[in-house]
């Protein structure tokens, strides 16, 4: 039996595995393949790794994990999960066989559903974005569009106006609150309210936004509203509590509502965080925290010690 099985080989899962390997835990990392940021050219806002391609970051992580004898890494997905009579968790694996673990860390991540907008798919992560902290700096000096009419889209347009050469809010046919429109125009951000027909590009480079009426708008980047969803249903099958946006609910220590099951990365958030955090460095940090808490959890179980991380009142102790 492994001390911990980590499901998901992205930044959260690899960081957790590194921490557990360094703590001399027997840990299995299961990686089903491409992560959420695979379409992007580079990872940003990750100190010492800013500008690194996502695939290269995975290679570097795997290389570091190979130095720890307690760590095993396997490809494949989890097809089933059960709770044996002796406790812990038994995972059925897509390549055949099973893996038993005393504790389980889910780091399966989110996947992005694209907006219903012709032409956006090939541009995703290249010239169509959703996060200003991941890709905003790369738009400096470029003409940019923000699509949407909600207050959050107005806020994003104003944020990008600090460094893009010019920003236009394209509402897709929806009205904008008059007070917010006045604020946009006062800060040099025009508004286009026509319905959008399509995005036109050469390869993955956006060239223009074509409207159902009126002239096209030349742009080099566009920020759209994506809908994140859970990449795996494993948390749901385990019965983990989730929010309305499908993010798994965790406390500040990465613990889910199911004893012995932890979650890290963008698939999980605390109640005090209104949206999932998409930054790679945030995912990595959450994996490190969850792994340290798991190690302390197991340490208490092994030696009959109290857990330094306070338990929820309704949470039973796991053997």
Protein backbone atom coordinates (compact mmCIF):
# COMPACT_ATOMS: atom_id res chain seq x y z
CA UNK A 1 0.00 0.00 0.00
CA UNK A 2 1.26 3.48 -0.89
CA UNK A 3 1.17 6.17 1.75
CA UNK A 4 -0.34 8.51 -0.84
CA UNK A 5 -1.61 8.24 -4.39
CA UNK A 6 -1.61 11.57 -6.21
CA UNK A 7 -4.01 11.67 -9.17
CA UNK A 8 -2.94 14.27 -11.72
CA UNK A 9 0.52 15.10 -13.04
CA UNK A 10 0.27 18.88 -13.46
CA UNK A 11 1.98 21.51 -11.28
CA UNK A 12 -0.18 20.74 -8.22
CA UNK A 13 0.31 16.99 -8.44
CA UNK A 14 4.03 17.14 -9.16
CA UNK A 15 4.67 19.66 -6.38
CA UNK A 16 2.77 17.49 -3.91
CA UNK A 17 4.68 14.42 -5.05
CA UNK A 18 7.99 16.23 -4.66
CA UNK A 19 7.15 17.24 -1.09
CA UNK A 20 6.02 13.71 -0.20
CA UNK A 21 9.08 12.16 -1.85
CA UNK A 22 11.37 14.43 0.11
CA UNK A 23 9.50 13.37 3.28
CA UNK A 24 10.36 9.74 2.39
CA UNK A 25 6.77 8.76 1.80
CA UNK A 26 5.84 5.95 -0.59
CA UNK A 27 3.90 7.88 -3.21
CA UNK A 28 2.44 7.05 -6.60
CA UNK A 29 1.77 9.84 -9.11
CA UNK A 30 -0.80 8.98 -11.78
CA UNK A 31 -0.79 11.22 -14.86
CA UNK A 32 -3.51 10.90 -17.52
CA UNK A 33 -1.82 13.27 -19.98
CA UNK A 34 -2.12 16.86 -21.16
CA UNK A 35 -2.90 19.59 -18.68
CA UNK A 36 -5.13 22.61 -18.93
CA UNK A 37 -2.37 24.92 -20.13
CA UNK A 38 -1.08 22.60 -22.86
CA UNK A 39 -2.28 24.89 -25.72
CA UNK A 40 -0.37 27.89 -24.34
CA UNK A 41 3.05 28.83 -25.65
CA UNK A 42 4.48 29.44 -22.19
CA UNK A 43 3.88 29.43 -18.46
CA UNK A 44 3.96 32.89 -16.88
CA UNK A 45 4.10 34.34 -13.37
CA UNK A 46 6.20 31.39 -12.15
CA UNK A 47 9.39 32.72 -10.62
CA UNK A 48 12.53 31.30 -12.36
CA UNK A 49 10.30 29.57 -14.95
CA UNK A 50 8.55 32.55 -16.57
CA UNK A 51 8.28 31.85 -20.30
CA UNK A 52 8.82 28.08 -20.03
CA UNK A 53 6.62 25.98 -22.35
CA UNK A 54 4.13 23.85 -20.36
CA UNK A 55 5.53 20.61 -21.80
CA UNK A 56 9.04 21.60 -20.74
CA UNK A 57 7.85 22.37 -17.21
CA UNK A 58 6.42 18.85 -17.01
CA UNK A 59 9.72 17.39 -18.23
CA UNK A 60 11.67 19.31 -15.60
CA UNK A 61 9.24 18.18 -12.90
CA UNK A 62 9.51 14.53 -13.90
CA UNK A 63 13.30 14.77 -13.89
CA UNK A 64 13.29 16.15 -10.35
CA UNK A 65 10.90 13.47 -9.10
CA UNK A 66 13.12 10.70 -10.45
CA UNK A 67 15.73 11.53 -7.78
CA UNK A 68 13.48 10.24 -4.96
CA UNK A 69 13.32 6.44 -4.56
CA UNK A 70 9.96 6.52 -2.78
CA UNK A 71 8.25 8.08 -5.81
CA UNK A 72 6.67 6.13 -8.65
CA UNK A 73 5.16 7.83 -11.70
CA UNK A 74 2.74 6.03 -14.00
CA UNK A 75 0.72 7.14 -17.01
CA UNK A 76 -2.98 6.50 -17.18
CA UNK A 77 -6.28 7.43 -15.63
CA UNK A 78 -8.29 6.18 -12.67
CA UNK A 79 -11.33 4.20 -13.79
CA UNK A 80 -12.76 3.36 -10.38
CA UNK A 81 -12.28 3.85 -6.67
CA UNK A 82 -13.34 1.88 -3.63
CA UNK A 83 -12.74 1.67 0.10
CA UNK A 84 -11.35 -1.74 1.18
CA UNK A 85 -12.39 -3.29 4.50
CA UNK A 86 -8.96 -2.51 5.95
CA UNK A 87 -9.32 1.21 5.24
CA UNK A 88 -7.67 3.52 2.78
CA UNK A 89 -8.53 3.63 -0.92
CA UNK A 90 -8.26 1.18 -3.82
CA UNK A 91 -7.97 2.71 -7.29
CA UNK A 92 -8.66 0.82 -10.51
CA UNK A 93 -6.29 1.94 -13.26
CA UNK A 94 -6.92 2.33 -16.98
CA UNK A 95 -3.88 0.22 -17.87
CA UNK A 96 -5.11 -2.62 -15.69
CA UNK A 97 -4.47 -3.44 -12.07
CA UNK A 98 -5.11 -1.48 -8.91
CA UNK A 99 -3.26 0.79 -6.50
CA UNK A 100 -3.95 1.02 -2.76
CA UNK A 101 -3.33 4.18 -0.75
CA UNK A 102 -3.72 5.33 2.82
CA UNK A 103 -4.45 8.86 1.64
CA UNK A 104 -5.59 10.25 -1.69
CA UNK A 105 -4.70 13.61 -3.24
CA UNK A 106 -6.76 14.75 -6.23
CA UNK A 107 -5.02 17.14 -8.60
CA UNK A 108 -6.96 16.31 -11.75
CA UNK A 109 -7.48 19.93 -12.74
CA UNK A 110 -10.03 21.76 -14.83
CA UNK A 111 -10.72 21.79 -18.54
CA UNK A 112 -11.99 24.82 -20.46
CA UNK A 113 -15.18 24.88 -22.48
CA UNK A 114 -14.87 27.43 -25.27
CA UNK A 115 -17.50 30.13 -25.84
CA UNK A 116 -19.89 29.70 -28.75
CA UNK A 117 -17.82 31.89 -31.04
CA UNK A 118 -16.70 30.84 -34.50
CA UNK A 119 -12.95 30.69 -34.87
CA UNK A 120 -11.95 30.80 -31.21
CA UNK A 121 -10.79 27.17 -30.85
CA UNK A 122 -7.50 27.32 -32.80
CA UNK A 123 -6.60 30.62 -31.10
CA UNK A 124 -6.99 29.39 -27.50
CA UNK A 125 -3.85 30.04 -25.48
CA UNK A 126 -2.18 31.77 -28.45
CA UNK A 127 -4.17 34.90 -29.23
CA UNK A 128 -7.45 34.16 -27.42
CA UNK A 129 -7.13 34.24 -23.63
CA UNK A 130 -9.10 34.41 -20.41
CA UNK A 131 -6.58 35.44 -17.70
CA UNK A 132 -4.85 38.84 -17.69
CA UNK A 133 -2.23 37.63 -15.21
CA UNK A 134 -1.28 34.67 -17.40
CA UNK A 135 -1.23 36.49 -20.74
CA UNK A 136 -1.90 40.19 -20.26
CA UNK A 137 1.73 41.31 -20.35
CA UNK A 138 2.21 39.64 -23.74
CA UNK A 139 -0.50 41.95 -25.09
CA UNK A 140 1.46 45.09 -24.27
CA UNK A 141 1.43 47.47 -27.21
CA UNK A 142 -1.14 45.41 -29.13
CA UNK A 143 -4.74 46.17 -30.08
CA UNK A 144 -6.93 44.01 -27.83
CA UNK A 145 -10.63 43.22 -27.54
CA UNK A 146 -12.58 42.06 -24.50
CA UNK A 147 -15.81 40.21 -25.27
CA UNK A 148 -18.79 40.52 -22.94
CA UNK A 149 -20.97 43.16 -21.35
CA UNK A 150 -20.97 42.17 -17.67
CA UNK A 151 -19.30 44.36 -15.02
CA UNK A 152 -16.41 41.89 -14.77
CA UNK A 153 -15.71 42.35 -18.49
CA UNK A 154 -15.75 46.13 -18.09
CA UNK A 155 -13.27 45.76 -15.25
CA UNK A 156 -11.00 43.59 -17.41
CA UNK A 157 -11.12 46.08 -20.29
CA UNK A 158 -10.08 48.90 -17.98
CA UNK A 159 -7.30 46.75 -16.52
CA UNK A 160 -5.89 45.93 -19.97
CA UNK A 161 -6.08 49.57 -21.03
CA UNK A 162 -3.04 50.28 -18.85
CA UNK A 163 -0.68 48.55 -21.26
CA UNK A 164 -2.41 47.46 -24.48
CA UNK A 165 -2.12 49.93 -27.35
CA UNK A 166 -5.90 50.19 -27.49
CA UNK A 167 -8.75 48.19 -26.01
CA UNK A 168 -12.30 47.78 -27.32
CA UNK A 169 -15.13 46.17 -25.38
CA UNK A 170 -17.24 44.03 -27.74
CA UNK A 171 -20.54 43.16 -26.09
CA UNK A 172 -21.77 40.62 -28.65
CA UNK A 173 -25.13 42.37 -28.92
CA UNK A 174 -25.75 42.78 -25.18
CA UNK A 175 -26.32 46.20 -23.59
CA UNK A 176 -23.83 47.75 -21.18
CA UNK A 177 -24.83 49.52 -18.00
CA UNK A 178 -24.84 53.24 -18.93
CA UNK A 179 -22.72 54.23 -15.94
CA UNK A 180 -20.11 51.60 -16.79
CA UNK A 181 -20.15 52.61 -20.45
CA UNK A 182 -19.50 56.20 -19.45
CA UNK A 183 -16.57 55.04 -17.32
CA UNK A 184 -15.13 53.08 -20.25
CA UNK A 185 -15.43 55.99 -22.64
CA UNK A 186 -13.95 58.39 -20.08
CA UNK A 187 -10.84 56.20 -20.02
CA UNK A 188 -10.54 55.81 -23.78
CA UNK A 189 -12.14 52.37 -24.15
CA UNK A 190 -14.75 52.37 -26.95
CA UNK A 191 -17.66 49.92 -27.03
CA UNK A 192 -18.92 47.87 -29.99
CA UNK A 193 -22.42 46.49 -29.38
CA UNK A 194 -23.03 44.60 -32.62
CA UNK A 195 -23.47 40.83 -32.56
CA UNK A 196 -20.24 39.00 -33.42
CA UNK A 197 -20.14 36.73 -36.47
CA UNK A 198 -16.66 35.20 -36.16
CA UNK A 199 -12.99 35.61 -35.43
CA UNK A 200 -10.66 35.61 -38.44
CA UNK A 201 -7.03 34.60 -38.15
CA UNK A 202 -3.99 33.29 -39.93
CA UNK A 203 -3.02 30.10 -38.17
CA UNK A 204 -3.24 30.84 -34.45
CA UNK A 205 -2.77 34.62 -34.87
CA UNK A 206 -5.96 36.65 -34.59
CA UNK A 207 -6.39 39.30 -37.28
CA UNK A 208 -9.90 40.69 -36.96
CA UNK A 209 -13.32 40.39 -35.34
CA UNK A 210 -16.14 40.26 -37.87
CA UNK A 211 -19.54 41.54 -36.77
CA UNK A 212 -22.96 40.76 -38.19
CA UNK A 213 -23.20 44.44 -39.10
CA UNK A 214 -20.70 47.25 -39.24
CA UNK A 215 -17.02 47.20 -40.17
CA UNK A 216 -14.66 44.48 -38.89
CA UNK A 217 -12.31 45.30 -36.04
CA UNK A 218 -8.60 44.59 -36.47
CA UNK A 219 -7.22 42.98 -33.29
CA UNK A 220 -4.21 40.93 -32.31
CA UNK A 221 -5.61 39.45 -29.10
CA UNK A 222 -9.01 38.81 -27.59
CA UNK A 223 -10.11 37.96 -24.06
CA UNK A 224 -13.16 35.71 -23.94
CA UNK A 225 -15.28 34.11 -21.23
CA UNK A 226 -14.49 30.41 -20.82
CA UNK A 227 -16.41 27.93 -18.71
CA UNK A 228 -14.16 25.67 -16.62
CA UNK A 229 -15.33 22.15 -15.77
CA UNK A 230 -13.84 19.28 -13.82
CA UNK A 231 -11.53 17.21 -16.02
CA UNK A 232 -12.30 14.09 -13.97
CA UNK A 233 -15.42 12.90 -12.14
CA UNK A 234 -13.35 11.14 -9.47
CA UNK A 235 -14.12 13.73 -6.78
CA UNK A 236 -17.84 13.39 -7.45
CA UNK A 237 -17.64 9.59 -7.32
CA UNK A 238 -15.92 9.86 -3.94
CA UNK A 239 -18.71 12.13 -2.70
CA UNK A 240 -16.59 15.25 -2.19
CA UNK A 241 -18.59 18.41 -1.56
CA UNK A 242 -18.46 20.91 -4.41
CA UNK A 243 -19.56 24.46 -5.16
CA UNK A 244 -22.11 25.50 -7.78
CA UNK A 245 -19.26 26.08 -10.26
CA UNK A 246 -18.23 22.41 -9.76
CA UNK A 247 -14.99 23.26 -7.95
CA UNK A 248 -14.27 20.82 -5.13
CA UNK A 249 -14.59 22.44 -1.72
CA UNK A 250 -11.46 22.27 0.44
CA UNK A 251 -10.39 23.94 3.65
CA UNK A 252 -7.20 25.96 3.98
CA UNK A 253 -5.22 22.71 4.35
CA UNK A 254 -6.48 21.09 1.14
CA UNK A 255 -8.86 18.69 2.89
CA UNK A 256 -12.10 17.77 1.16
CA UNK A 257 -15.33 16.78 2.90
CA UNK A 258 -14.33 13.09 2.57
CA UNK A 259 -11.91 11.94 5.28
CA UNK A 260 -8.54 10.99 3.87
CA UNK A 261 -9.16 12.72 0.52
CA UNK A 262 -7.34 15.94 -0.29
CA UNK A 263 -7.49 18.16 -3.39
CA UNK A 264 -5.14 20.76 -4.86
CA UNK A 265 -4.76 22.94 -7.91
CA UNK A 266 -7.41 24.79 -9.88
CA UNK A 267 -9.96 22.00 -9.44
CA UNK A 268 -10.45 22.97 -5.78
CA UNK A 269 -10.97 26.14 -3.81
CA UNK A 270 -11.87 27.39 -0.36
CA UNK A 271 -15.23 29.01 0.38
CA UNK A 272 -13.49 32.36 0.84
CA UNK A 273 -12.07 32.29 -2.71
CA UNK A 274 -14.80 33.29 -5.20
CA UNK A 275 -13.28 31.71 -8.32
CA UNK A 276 -10.75 28.95 -9.06
CA UNK A 277 -7.19 30.28 -9.25
CA UNK A 278 -5.75 29.54 -12.68
CA UNK A 279 -2.10 30.49 -12.08
CA UNK A 280 0.38 27.63 -12.34
CA UNK A 281 2.34 28.87 -9.34
CA UNK A 282 -0.85 28.89 -7.23
CA UNK A 283 -1.52 25.29 -8.21
CA UNK A 284 2.03 24.29 -7.32
CA UNK A 285 1.81 26.03 -3.95
CA UNK A 286 -1.48 24.35 -3.08
CA UNK A 287 0.04 20.96 -3.87
CA UNK A 288 2.97 21.64 -1.54
CA UNK A 289 0.66 22.69 1.31
CA UNK A 290 -1.66 19.70 0.90
CA UNK A 291 1.29 17.29 0.81
CA UNK A 292 2.76 18.66 4.04
CA UNK A 293 -0.62 18.36 5.75
CA UNK A 294 -1.00 14.77 4.51
CA UNK A 295 2.44 13.90 5.86
CA UNK A 296 1.51 15.31 9.26
CA UNK A 297 -1.81 13.46 9.13
CA UNK A 298 0.00 10.16 8.53
CA UNK A 299 2.63 10.98 11.14
CA UNK A 300 -0.10 11.40 13.74
CA UNK A 301 -1.73 8.12 12.71
CA UNK A 302 1.59 6.23 12.83
CA UNK A 303 2.74 7.46 16.22
CA UNK A 304 -0.50 8.28 18.02
CA UNK A 305 0.16 12.02 17.91
CA UNK A 306 -2.36 14.83 17.77
CA UNK A 307 -2.70 16.56 14.42
CA UNK A 308 -1.28 20.11 14.49
CA UNK A 309 -3.82 21.11 11.85
CA UNK A 310 -7.19 21.48 13.56
CA UNK A 311 -9.85 19.01 12.48
CA UNK A 312 -13.32 20.15 11.51
CA UNK A 313 -15.86 19.37 14.20
CA UNK A 314 -17.79 17.07 11.85
CA UNK A 315 -14.74 15.26 10.50
CA UNK A 316 -14.02 11.77 11.88
CA UNK A 317 -10.44 10.74 12.43
CA UNK A 318 -8.98 8.52 9.70
CA UNK A 319 -6.91 5.50 10.84
